[in-house]
Amino acid sequence: MSLLRVLGRPMLASMFLTGGLNSVREPQDVAPIAEPVVQPVTERVSALPDRTEQVVRLSGAVQVAAGLMLATGRMPRPAALAIAATLVPTTLAAHRFWELEDPSERAEQRIHFFKNMSMLGGLLIAADDTGARPSVVWRGTHAAHGLRRDAGLVRRSVRATARPAAAAGRVRAKLPA
């Protein structure tokens, strides 16, 4: 694994570890801010808890678990996707700069919004990072190409040997036994 991955993954995960721990320990601090985003989602997704504090705690737990996985390099691609899935509603709930009237507060929330968008971009890149190994799609494509090539070789080989073998069989049939 490259030095950049060894250093970069824990650095990217650090924000989600600390924020996730805070959400797990004290969801009541975040629940009022999360309410406008959580309620419409929980109405549509029956698997989620009804109370906003429980959803906040669940989101925090996902961030902590996936953050640890990303930081340690254990299944980093699914971990990055899991964190990204929690980051979108978190950003939409906590940094609604377009609703604010005060210019300084609006500017501050805009900065936080785009900081989260930058982290989302980093997570998406981490989710796509194969660690210098070929991806499953690449390996599958090249395996299929190899099989097609091998099938073509077998077909040509059969064609090349079938005609002389048939001719030899006809000659042998004409010979006295």
N, C-alpha and C. Protein backbone atom coordinates (compact mmCIF):
# COMPACT_ATOMS: atom_id res chain seq x y z
N MET A 1 0.85 -1.17 0.00
CA MET A 1 0.00 0.00 0.00
C MET A 1 0.90 1.24 0.00
N SER A 2 0.52 2.25 -0.75
CA SER A 2 1.35 3.43 -0.86
C SER A 2 1.29 4.28 0.41
N LEU A 3 2.30 5.07 0.60
CA LEU A 3 2.38 5.96 1.75
C LEU A 3 1.22 6.96 1.75
N LEU A 4 0.82 7.41 0.57
CA LEU A 4 -0.30 8.35 0.49
C LEU A 4 -1.59 7.73 1.02
N ARG A 5 -1.82 6.47 0.70
CA ARG A 5 -3.03 5.80 1.20
C ARG A 5 -2.92 5.59 2.72
N VAL A 6 -1.76 5.18 3.17
CA VAL A 6 -1.56 4.92 4.60
C VAL A 6 -1.80 6.19 5.42
N LEU A 7 -1.38 7.33 4.90
CA LEU A 7 -1.59 8.59 5.61
C LEU A 7 -2.95 9.22 5.31
N GLY A 8 -3.37 9.15 4.07
CA GLY A 8 -4.57 9.86 3.64
C GLY A 8 -5.87 9.28 4.18
N ARG A 9 -5.98 7.97 4.23
CA ARG A 9 -7.23 7.37 4.69
C ARG A 9 -7.56 7.73 6.14
N PRO A 10 -6.60 7.61 7.08
CA PRO A 10 -6.92 8.02 8.45
C PRO A 10 -7.23 9.52 8.57
N MET A 11 -6.55 10.32 7.76
CA MET A 11 -6.82 11.76 7.80
C MET A 11 -8.24 12.04 7.32
N LEU A 12 -8.66 11.39 6.26
CA LEU A 12 -10.02 11.56 5.76
C LEU A 12 -11.04 11.03 6.77
N ALA A 13 -10.73 9.93 7.41
CA ALA A 13 -11.65 9.31 8.36
C ALA A 13 -11.76 10.08 9.67
N SER A 14 -10.76 10.86 10.03
CA SER A 14 -10.72 11.51 11.35
C SER A 14 -11.94 12.39 11.62
N MET A 15 -12.39 13.13 10.65
CA MET A 15 -13.54 14.01 10.83
C MET A 15 -14.81 13.20 11.13
N PHE A 16 -14.93 12.05 10.48
CA PHE A 16 -16.13 11.23 10.66
C PHE A 16 -16.08 10.45 11.97
N LEU A 17 -14.89 10.10 12.40
CA LEU A 17 -14.76 9.43 13.70
C LEU A 17 -15.17 10.38 14.82
N THR A 18 -14.64 11.59 14.80
CA THR A 18 -14.97 12.53 15.88
C THR A 18 -16.43 12.98 15.80
N GLY A 19 -16.91 13.31 14.62
CA GLY A 19 -18.31 13.72 14.47
C GLY A 19 -19.27 12.59 14.78
N GLY A 20 -18.93 11.38 14.35
CA GLY A 20 -19.78 10.23 14.62
C GLY A 20 -19.85 9.91 16.10
N LEU A 21 -18.71 9.98 16.78
CA LEU A 21 -18.72 9.76 18.24
C LEU A 21 -19.58 10.79 18.94
N ASN A 22 -19.49 12.02 18.52
CA ASN A 22 -20.31 13.08 19.11
C ASN A 22 -21.80 12.79 18.89
N SER A 23 -22.16 12.34 17.69
CA SER A 23 -23.57 12.04 17.40
C SER A 23 -24.07 10.82 18.18
N VAL A 24 -23.21 9.86 18.42
CA VAL A 24 -23.61 8.68 19.19
C VAL A 24 -23.78 9.05 20.66
N ARG A 25 -22.86 9.83 21.19
CA ARG A 25 -22.89 10.18 22.62
C ARG A 25 -23.97 11.20 22.95
N GLU A 26 -24.13 12.21 22.12
CA GLU A 26 -25.06 13.30 22.43
C GLU A 26 -25.93 13.64 21.22
N PRO A 27 -26.84 12.73 20.84
CA PRO A 27 -27.67 12.99 19.66
C PRO A 27 -28.64 14.15 19.85
N GLN A 28 -28.98 14.45 21.09
CA GLN A 28 -29.90 15.55 21.35
C GLN A 28 -29.34 16.90 20.94
N ASP A 29 -28.01 17.01 20.83
CA ASP A 29 -27.40 18.27 20.39
C ASP A 29 -27.62 18.50 18.90
N VAL A 30 -27.72 17.43 18.15
CA VAL A 30 -27.81 17.53 16.69
C VAL A 30 -29.24 17.33 16.19
N ALA A 31 -30.09 16.68 16.97
CA ALA A 31 -31.44 16.32 16.53
C ALA A 31 -32.27 17.51 16.05
N PRO A 32 -32.28 18.66 16.73
CA PRO A 32 -33.11 19.76 16.23
C PRO A 32 -32.68 20.25 14.84
N ILE A 33 -31.39 20.22 14.58
CA ILE A 33 -30.88 20.66 13.27
C ILE A 33 -31.22 19.61 12.20
N ALA A 34 -31.19 18.35 12.59
CA ALA A 34 -31.42 17.25 11.64
C ALA A 34 -32.89 17.03 11.33
N GLU A 35 -33.77 17.50 12.18
CA GLU A 35 -35.20 17.24 12.06
C GLU A 35 -35.79 17.51 10.66
N PRO A 36 -35.51 18.65 10.02
CA PRO A 36 -36.13 18.90 8.71
C PRO A 36 -35.73 17.91 7.62
N VAL A 37 -34.58 17.29 7.74
CA VAL A 37 -34.14 16.31 6.74
C VAL A 37 -34.54 14.89 7.15
N VAL A 38 -34.47 14.60 8.44
CA VAL A 38 -34.72 13.24 8.93
C VAL A 38 -36.20 12.86 8.78
N GLN A 39 -37.11 13.75 9.14
CA GLN A 39 -38.54 13.40 9.13
C GLN A 39 -39.04 12.96 7.75
N PRO A 40 -38.77 13.70 6.66
CA PRO A 40 -39.23 13.21 5.35
C PRO A 40 -38.62 11.87 4.95
N VAL A 41 -37.37 11.64 5.36
CA VAL A 41 -36.71 10.38 5.02
C VAL A 41 -37.32 9.22 5.81
N THR A 42 -37.56 9.41 7.11
CA THR A 42 -38.13 8.33 7.92
C THR A 42 -39.57 8.01 7.52
N GLU A 43 -40.28 8.97 6.96
CA GLU A 43 -41.64 8.70 6.48
C GLU A 43 -41.62 7.78 5.26
N ARG A 44 -40.57 7.87 4.46
CA ARG A 44 -40.46 7.05 3.24
C ARG A 44 -39.73 5.73 3.45
N VAL A 45 -38.81 5.71 4.41
CA VAL A 45 -38.01 4.50 4.66
C VAL A 45 -38.43 3.91 6.01
N SER A 46 -39.20 2.86 5.95
CA SER A 46 -39.76 2.28 7.18
C SER A 46 -38.71 1.59 8.05
N ALA A 47 -37.57 1.23 7.48
CA ALA A 47 -36.52 0.54 8.25
C ALA A 47 -35.83 1.47 9.24
N LEU A 48 -35.93 2.77 9.04
CA LEU A 48 -35.28 3.72 9.94
C LEU A 48 -36.13 3.96 11.19
N PRO A 49 -35.48 4.27 12.30
CA PRO A 49 -36.23 4.58 13.53
C PRO A 49 -37.09 5.84 13.34
N ASP A 50 -38.15 5.94 14.14
CA ASP A 50 -39.06 7.08 14.03
C ASP A 50 -38.51 8.35 14.67
N ARG A 51 -37.78 8.20 15.75
CA ARG A 51 -37.27 9.37 16.47
C ARG A 51 -36.00 9.89 15.82
N THR A 52 -35.92 11.20 15.69
CA THR A 52 -34.77 11.85 15.06
C THR A 52 -33.48 11.54 15.81
N GLU A 53 -33.52 11.52 17.13
CA GLU A 53 -32.32 11.25 17.92
C GLU A 53 -31.76 9.86 17.63
N GLN A 54 -32.65 8.90 17.40
CA GLN A 54 -32.19 7.54 17.09
C GLN A 54 -31.55 7.50 15.70
N VAL A 55 -32.11 8.24 14.76
CA VAL A 55 -31.53 8.29 13.41
C VAL A 55 -30.16 8.96 13.46
N VAL A 56 -30.06 10.03 14.25
CA VAL A 56 -28.77 10.72 14.40
C VAL A 56 -27.75 9.77 15.02
N ARG A 57 -28.16 9.04 16.04
CA ARG A 57 -27.26 8.09 16.69
C ARG A 57 -26.84 6.98 15.71
N LEU A 58 -27.78 6.49 14.91
CA LEU A 58 -27.48 5.46 13.91
C LEU A 58 -26.49 5.99 12.87
N SER A 59 -26.73 7.19 12.40
CA SER A 59 -25.81 7.80 11.43
C SER A 59 -24.42 7.96 12.03
N GLY A 60 -24.36 8.38 13.29
CA GLY A 60 -23.07 8.50 13.97
C GLY A 60 -22.37 7.17 14.11
N ALA A 61 -23.13 6.12 14.42
CA ALA A 61 -22.54 4.78 14.56
C ALA A 61 -21.98 4.30 13.22
N VAL A 62 -22.70 4.59 12.14
CA VAL A 62 -22.20 4.21 10.81
C VAL A 62 -20.92 4.97 10.52
N GLN A 63 -20.88 6.25 10.85
CA GLN A 63 -19.68 7.04 10.61
C GLN A 63 -18.50 6.52 11.42
N VAL A 64 -18.72 6.15 12.66
CA VAL A 64 -17.64 5.63 13.50
C VAL A 64 -17.13 4.29 12.95
N ALA A 65 -18.04 3.36 12.70
CA ALA A 65 -17.64 2.04 12.22
C ALA A 65 -16.94 2.14 10.86
N ALA A 66 -17.56 2.87 9.93
CA ALA A 66 -16.96 3.00 8.60
C ALA A 66 -15.68 3.83 8.66
N GLY A 67 -15.64 4.81 9.54
CA GLY A 67 -14.42 5.61 9.71
C GLY A 67 -13.26 4.77 10.19
N LEU A 68 -13.52 3.88 11.13
CA LEU A 68 -12.47 2.96 11.60
C LEU A 68 -12.01 2.04 10.48
N MET A 69 -12.97 1.54 9.70
CA MET A 69 -12.61 0.66 8.59
C MET A 69 -11.77 1.40 7.55
N LEU A 70 -12.17 2.63 7.25
CA LEU A 70 -11.41 3.42 6.27
C LEU A 70 -10.03 3.74 6.80
N ALA A 71 -9.95 4.14 8.05
CA ALA A 71 -8.67 4.53 8.65
C ALA A 71 -7.68 3.37 8.71
N THR A 72 -8.20 2.17 8.96
CA THR A 72 -7.31 1.01 9.08
C THR A 72 -7.11 0.27 7.76
N GLY A 73 -7.81 0.69 6.72
CA GLY A 73 -7.66 0.06 5.42
C GLY A 73 -8.41 -1.25 5.29
N ARG A 74 -9.34 -1.53 6.19
CA ARG A 74 -10.18 -2.74 6.11
C ARG A 74 -11.43 -2.40 5.31
N MET A 75 -11.57 -3.01 4.17
CA MET A 75 -12.70 -2.76 3.27
C MET A 75 -12.92 -1.25 3.07
N PRO A 76 -11.88 -0.52 2.64
CA PRO A 76 -11.99 0.93 2.57
C PRO A 76 -12.99 1.44 1.54
N ARG A 77 -13.21 0.69 0.47
CA ARG A 77 -14.14 1.17 -0.56
C ARG A 77 -15.58 1.17 -0.06
N PRO A 78 -16.09 0.06 0.51
CA PRO A 78 -17.45 0.12 1.06
C PRO A 78 -17.56 1.10 2.24
N ALA A 79 -16.49 1.21 3.02
CA ALA A 79 -16.50 2.14 4.15
C ALA A 79 -16.65 3.58 3.66
N ALA A 80 -15.93 3.93 2.62
CA ALA A 80 -16.03 5.29 2.06
C ALA A 80 -17.43 5.55 1.53
N LEU A 81 -18.04 4.56 0.89
CA LEU A 81 -19.41 4.72 0.40
C LEU A 81 -20.40 4.89 1.54
N ALA A 82 -20.21 4.14 2.61
CA ALA A 82 -21.11 4.24 3.77
C ALA A 82 -21.01 5.64 4.39
N ILE A 83 -19.80 6.13 4.53
CA ILE A 83 -19.64 7.48 5.09
C ILE A 83 -20.26 8.52 4.16
N ALA A 84 -20.06 8.35 2.87
CA ALA A 84 -20.63 9.29 1.90
C ALA A 84 -22.15 9.30 2.01
N ALA A 85 -22.74 8.13 2.22
CA ALA A 85 -24.21 8.05 2.34
C ALA A 85 -24.71 8.80 3.57
N THR A 86 -23.91 8.86 4.63
CA THR A 86 -24.32 9.62 5.82
C THR A 86 -23.99 11.10 5.69
N LEU A 87 -23.01 11.42 4.87
CA LEU A 87 -22.58 12.81 4.75
C LEU A 87 -23.61 13.67 4.01
N VAL A 88 -24.28 13.11 3.03
CA VAL A 88 -25.23 13.90 2.24
C VAL A 88 -26.37 14.44 3.11
N PRO A 89 -27.10 13.60 3.85
CA PRO A 89 -28.16 14.18 4.68
C PRO A 89 -27.62 15.06 5.81
N THR A 90 -26.46 14.72 6.32
CA THR A 90 -25.85 15.56 7.36
C THR A 90 -25.59 16.96 6.83
N THR A 91 -25.05 17.05 5.64
CA THR A 91 -24.75 18.34 5.03
C THR A 91 -26.03 19.11 4.74
N LEU A 92 -27.01 18.43 4.20
CA LEU A 92 -28.28 19.10 3.87
C LEU A 92 -29.02 19.57 5.12
N ALA A 93 -28.83 18.89 6.22
CA ALA A 93 -29.50 19.30 7.46
C ALA A 93 -28.75 20.41 8.18
N ALA A 94 -27.44 20.31 8.25
CA ALA A 94 -26.67 21.20 9.11
C ALA A 94 -26.20 22.49 8.44
N HIS A 95 -26.14 22.51 7.13
CA HIS A 95 -25.53 23.66 6.47
C HIS A 95 -26.43 24.23 5.38
N ARG A 96 -27.64 24.60 5.76
CA ARG A 96 -28.64 25.13 4.84
C ARG A 96 -28.42 26.64 4.67
N PHE A 97 -27.32 26.99 4.06
CA PHE A 97 -26.95 28.41 3.93
C PHE A 97 -27.97 29.21 3.13
N TRP A 98 -28.67 28.58 2.22
CA TRP A 98 -29.62 29.27 1.36
C TRP A 98 -30.85 29.76 2.12
N GLU A 99 -31.04 29.29 3.36
CA GLU A 99 -32.19 29.71 4.15
C GLU A 99 -31.85 30.85 5.12
N LEU A 100 -30.59 31.23 5.23
CA LEU A 100 -30.16 32.21 6.22
C LEU A 100 -30.22 33.63 5.65
N GLU A 101 -30.54 34.57 6.53
CA GLU A 101 -30.62 35.99 6.15
C GLU A 101 -29.33 36.75 6.46
N ASP A 102 -28.71 36.44 7.60
CA ASP A 102 -27.51 37.15 8.04
C ASP A 102 -26.35 36.81 7.09
N PRO A 103 -25.74 37.82 6.44
CA PRO A 103 -24.68 37.55 5.46
C PRO A 103 -23.47 36.82 6.05
N SER A 104 -23.06 37.16 7.26
CA SER A 104 -21.88 36.50 7.82
C SER A 104 -22.19 35.05 8.18
N GLU A 105 -23.36 34.80 8.74
CA GLU A 105 -23.74 33.44 9.08
C GLU A 105 -23.95 32.62 7.80
N ARG A 106 -24.53 33.27 6.80
CA ARG A 106 -24.74 32.60 5.51
C ARG A 106 -23.40 32.21 4.89
N ALA A 107 -22.41 33.12 4.94
CA ALA A 107 -21.09 32.84 4.38
C ALA A 107 -20.41 31.70 5.14
N GLU A 108 -20.56 31.70 6.46
CA GLU A 108 -19.95 30.64 7.27
C GLU A 108 -20.56 29.27 6.92
N GLN A 109 -21.88 29.21 6.81
CA GLN A 109 -22.54 27.95 6.49
C GLN A 109 -22.23 27.50 5.06
N ARG A 110 -22.06 28.46 4.15
CA ARG A 110 -21.68 28.11 2.78
C ARG A 110 -20.30 27.46 2.76
N ILE A 111 -19.38 28.01 3.56
CA ILE A 111 -18.04 27.42 3.66
C ILE A 111 -18.13 25.98 4.17
N HIS A 112 -18.94 25.75 5.23
CA HIS A 112 -19.09 24.40 5.77
C HIS A 112 -19.75 23.47 4.76
N PHE A 113 -20.74 23.99 4.02
CA PHE A 113 -21.41 23.19 3.01
C PHE A 113 -20.42 22.71 1.96
N PHE A 114 -19.61 23.63 1.44
CA PHE A 114 -18.67 23.24 0.39
C PHE A 114 -17.47 22.45 0.94
N LYS A 115 -17.14 22.63 2.20
CA LYS A 115 -16.14 21.76 2.84
C LYS A 115 -16.66 20.33 2.86
N ASN A 116 -17.93 20.17 3.21
CA ASN A 116 -18.51 18.82 3.20
C ASN A 116 -18.58 18.26 1.78
N MET A 117 -18.87 19.11 0.81
CA MET A 117 -18.88 18.64 -0.58
C MET A 117 -17.48 18.19 -1.00
N SER A 118 -16.46 18.88 -0.52
CA SER A 118 -15.08 18.48 -0.81
C SER A 118 -14.77 17.13 -0.17
N MET A 119 -15.21 16.95 1.08
CA MET A 119 -15.01 15.66 1.74
C MET A 119 -15.77 14.57 1.02
N LEU A 120 -16.97 14.89 0.52
CA LEU A 120 -17.74 13.91 -0.25
C LEU A 120 -16.97 13.51 -1.51
N GLY A 121 -16.35 14.47 -2.16
CA GLY A 121 -15.52 14.16 -3.33
C GLY A 121 -14.36 13.25 -2.96
N GLY A 122 -13.71 13.52 -1.85
CA GLY A 122 -12.61 12.65 -1.39
C GLY A 122 -13.09 11.25 -1.08
N LEU A 123 -14.28 11.15 -0.48
CA LEU A 123 -14.84 9.83 -0.19
C LEU A 123 -15.17 9.07 -1.46
N LEU A 124 -15.70 9.77 -2.45
CA LEU A 124 -16.01 9.10 -3.72
C LEU A 124 -14.74 8.62 -4.42
N ILE A 125 -13.68 9.42 -4.33
CA ILE A 125 -12.40 8.98 -4.90
C ILE A 125 -11.88 7.77 -4.13
N ALA A 126 -11.99 7.81 -2.80
CA ALA A 126 -11.55 6.67 -1.98
C ALA A 126 -12.38 5.43 -2.28
N ALA A 127 -13.66 5.62 -2.56
CA ALA A 127 -14.53 4.47 -2.87
C ALA A 127 -14.16 3.85 -4.22
N ASP A 128 -13.57 4.64 -5.09
CA ASP A 128 -13.18 4.14 -6.41
C ASP A 128 -11.74 3.63 -6.43
N ASP A 129 -10.97 3.90 -5.39
CA ASP A 129 -9.55 3.54 -5.34
C ASP A 129 -9.38 2.05 -5.14
N THR A 130 -8.74 1.40 -6.08
CA THR A 130 -8.52 -0.04 -5.98
C THR A 130 -7.18 -0.39 -5.35
N GLY A 131 -6.44 0.60 -4.92
CA GLY A 131 -5.15 0.32 -4.29
C GLY A 131 -4.14 -0.21 -5.28
N ALA A 132 -4.16 0.27 -6.50
CA ALA A 132 -3.25 -0.10 -7.58
C ALA A 132 -3.47 -1.53 -8.07
N ARG A 133 -4.55 -2.17 -7.61
CA ARG A 133 -4.91 -3.49 -8.13
C ARG A 133 -5.99 -3.28 -9.19
N PRO A 134 -6.03 -4.14 -10.18
CA PRO A 134 -7.09 -4.01 -11.18
C PRO A 134 -8.46 -4.21 -10.54
N SER A 135 -9.43 -3.46 -11.02
CA SER A 135 -10.78 -3.58 -10.48
C SER A 135 -11.42 -4.88 -10.94
N VAL A 136 -12.52 -5.22 -10.33
CA VAL A 136 -13.25 -6.43 -10.69
C VAL A 136 -13.75 -6.33 -12.13
N VAL A 137 -14.21 -5.15 -12.51
CA VAL A 137 -14.69 -4.95 -13.88
C VAL A 137 -13.55 -5.16 -14.87
N TRP A 138 -12.39 -4.59 -14.59
CA TRP A 138 -11.24 -4.74 -15.48
C TRP A 138 -10.85 -6.21 -15.59
N ARG A 139 -10.78 -6.90 -14.45
CA ARG A 139 -10.40 -8.31 -14.47
C ARG A 139 -11.41 -9.15 -15.23
N GLY A 140 -12.69 -8.86 -15.04
CA GLY A 140 -13.73 -9.59 -15.76
C GLY A 140 -13.66 -9.36 -17.25
N THR A 141 -13.45 -8.11 -17.65
CA THR A 141 -13.35 -7.79 -19.07
C THR A 141 -12.17 -8.50 -19.71
N HIS A 142 -11.03 -8.48 -19.04
CA HIS A 142 -9.85 -9.12 -19.60
C HIS A 142 -9.94 -10.65 -19.57
N ALA A 143 -10.62 -11.19 -18.58
CA ALA A 143 -10.83 -12.64 -18.56
C ALA A 143 -11.74 -13.04 -19.72
N ALA A 144 -12.79 -12.26 -19.96
CA ALA A 144 -13.69 -12.55 -21.09
C ALA A 144 -12.94 -12.44 -22.42
N HIS A 145 -12.09 -11.43 -22.53
CA HIS A 145 -11.29 -11.27 -23.76
C HIS A 145 -10.37 -12.48 -23.95
N GLY A 146 -9.75 -12.93 -22.90
CA GLY A 146 -8.87 -14.11 -22.97
C GLY A 146 -9.64 -15.36 -23.37
N LEU A 147 -10.84 -15.52 -22.83
CA LEU A 147 -11.66 -16.68 -23.19
C LEU A 147 -12.07 -16.63 -24.66
N ARG A 148 -12.44 -15.43 -25.15
CA ARG A 148 -12.78 -15.31 -26.57
C ARG A 148 -11.58 -15.66 -27.45
N ARG A 149 -10.40 -15.18 -27.05
CA ARG A 149 -9.18 -15.47 -27.82
C ARG A 149 -8.90 -16.98 -27.81
N ASP A 150 -9.01 -17.61 -26.65
CA ASP A 150 -8.77 -19.05 -26.56
C ASP A 150 -9.79 -19.84 -27.38
N ALA A 151 -11.05 -19.40 -27.34
CA ALA A 151 -12.08 -20.09 -28.14
C ALA A 151 -11.77 -19.97 -29.63
N GLY A 152 -11.29 -18.82 -30.05
CA GLY A 152 -10.91 -18.63 -31.45
C GLY A 152 -9.75 -19.53 -31.84
N LEU A 153 -8.78 -19.69 -30.95
CA LEU A 153 -7.65 -20.59 -31.23
C LEU A 153 -8.11 -22.04 -31.35
N VAL A 154 -9.00 -22.46 -30.46
CA VAL A 154 -9.51 -23.82 -30.51
C VAL A 154 -10.29 -24.03 -31.81
N ARG A 155 -11.12 -23.05 -32.19
CA ARG A 155 -11.90 -23.17 -33.43
C ARG A 155 -10.98 -23.30 -34.64
N ARG A 156 -9.94 -22.47 -34.70
CA ARG A 156 -9.00 -22.56 -35.83
C ARG A 156 -8.24 -23.88 -35.81
N SER A 157 -7.88 -24.35 -34.65
CA SER A 157 -7.16 -25.62 -34.53
C SER A 157 -8.02 -26.77 -34.99
N VAL A 158 -9.29 -26.75 -34.59
CA VAL A 158 -10.20 -27.82 -35.01
C VAL A 158 -10.37 -27.79 -36.52
N ARG A 159 -10.57 -26.59 -37.08
CA ARG A 159 -10.72 -26.48 -38.53
C ARG A 159 -9.47 -26.96 -39.27
N ALA A 160 -8.30 -26.60 -38.74
CA ALA A 160 -7.05 -26.96 -39.40
C ALA A 160 -6.80 -28.46 -39.37
N THR A 161 -7.22 -29.15 -38.32
CA THR A 161 -6.95 -30.59 -38.22
C THR A 161 -8.12 -31.43 -38.70
N ALA A 162 -9.30 -30.90 -38.80
CA ALA A 162 -10.46 -31.69 -39.19
C ALA A 162 -10.39 -32.11 -40.66
N ARG A 163 -10.01 -31.23 -41.54
CA ARG A 163 -9.96 -31.58 -42.97
C ARG A 163 -8.92 -32.66 -43.25
N PRO A 164 -7.68 -32.51 -42.79
CA PRO A 164 -6.71 -33.59 -43.04
C PRO A 164 -7.11 -34.91 -42.38
N ALA A 165 -7.70 -34.85 -41.22
CA ALA A 165 -8.13 -36.07 -40.53
C ALA A 165 -9.24 -36.75 -41.31
N ALA A 166 -10.16 -35.98 -41.85
CA ALA A 166 -11.25 -36.55 -42.65
C ALA A 166 -10.68 -37.17 -43.93
N ALA A 167 -9.74 -36.51 -44.55
CA ALA A 167 -9.12 -37.06 -45.78
C ALA A 167 -8.38 -38.35 -45.45
N ALA A 168 -7.66 -38.38 -44.35
CA ALA A 168 -6.93 -39.59 -43.95
C ALA A 168 -7.92 -40.70 -43.66
N GLY A 169 -9.05 -40.40 -43.09
CA GLY A 169 -10.06 -41.40 -42.81
C GLY A 169 -10.64 -41.98 -44.10
N ARG A 170 -10.85 -41.12 -45.08
CA ARG A 170 -11.38 -41.61 -46.37
C ARG A 170 -10.36 -42.51 -47.06
N VAL A 171 -9.07 -42.14 -47.04
CA VAL A 171 -8.02 -42.96 -47.65
C VAL A 171 -7.96 -44.30 -46.92
N ARG A 172 -7.99 -44.29 -45.64
CA ARG A 172 -7.88 -45.53 -44.85
C ARG A 172 -9.07 -46.46 -45.13
N ALA A 173 -10.23 -45.85 -45.34
CA ALA A 173 -11.42 -46.66 -45.63
C ALA A 173 -11.28 -47.38 -46.96
N LYS A 174 -10.55 -46.80 -47.91
CA LYS A 174 -10.39 -47.41 -49.22
C LYS A 174 -9.32 -48.50 -49.22
N LEU A 175 -8.44 -48.50 -48.26
CA LEU A 175 -7.38 -49.51 -48.19
C LEU A 175 -7.96 -50.86 -47.78
N PRO A 176 -7.36 -51.97 -48.33
CA PRO A 176 -7.83 -53.27 -47.91
C PRO A 176 -7.46 -53.54 -46.44
N ALA A 177 -8.30 -54.19 -45.78
CA ALA A 177 -8.06 -54.48 -44.36
C ALA A 177 -7.20 -55.61 -44.09
